[in-house]
Amino acid sequence: MKKPTFIILVLILAVIILSVIRTYVANNIATSGVILSDVEIQKAKLETENAILSEKLYTQTSLSEISKKAEKLGFSENKKNFAISGQRPVAFKQ
């Protein structure tokens, strides 16, 4: 083969290879956009579910709710008051 024919053949082959690579990359980018939108939708659903569960947790652990559950289980409020009479020293002299 002559040199100019070889160079033209190599350039045509390079253009074809680069076109195939460009098509492959464009296809991957397009499908990754779909995957990204699915992940964002799932993230939004999980954030909503997390907010709902946090609200349920706050309600279940509130003092009024715990008091109601304690009454249902038979616990009663202690009516006796007690106080420590007299002051005790914090430390004794040695």
Foldseek 3Di string as FASTA:
>chain_A
DDDVVVVVVVVVVVVVVVVVVVVVVVVVVVVVVVVVVVVVVVVVVVVVVVVVVVVVVCVCPDPVNVVVVCVVVPDDDDPDDDDDPDDDDPDDDD
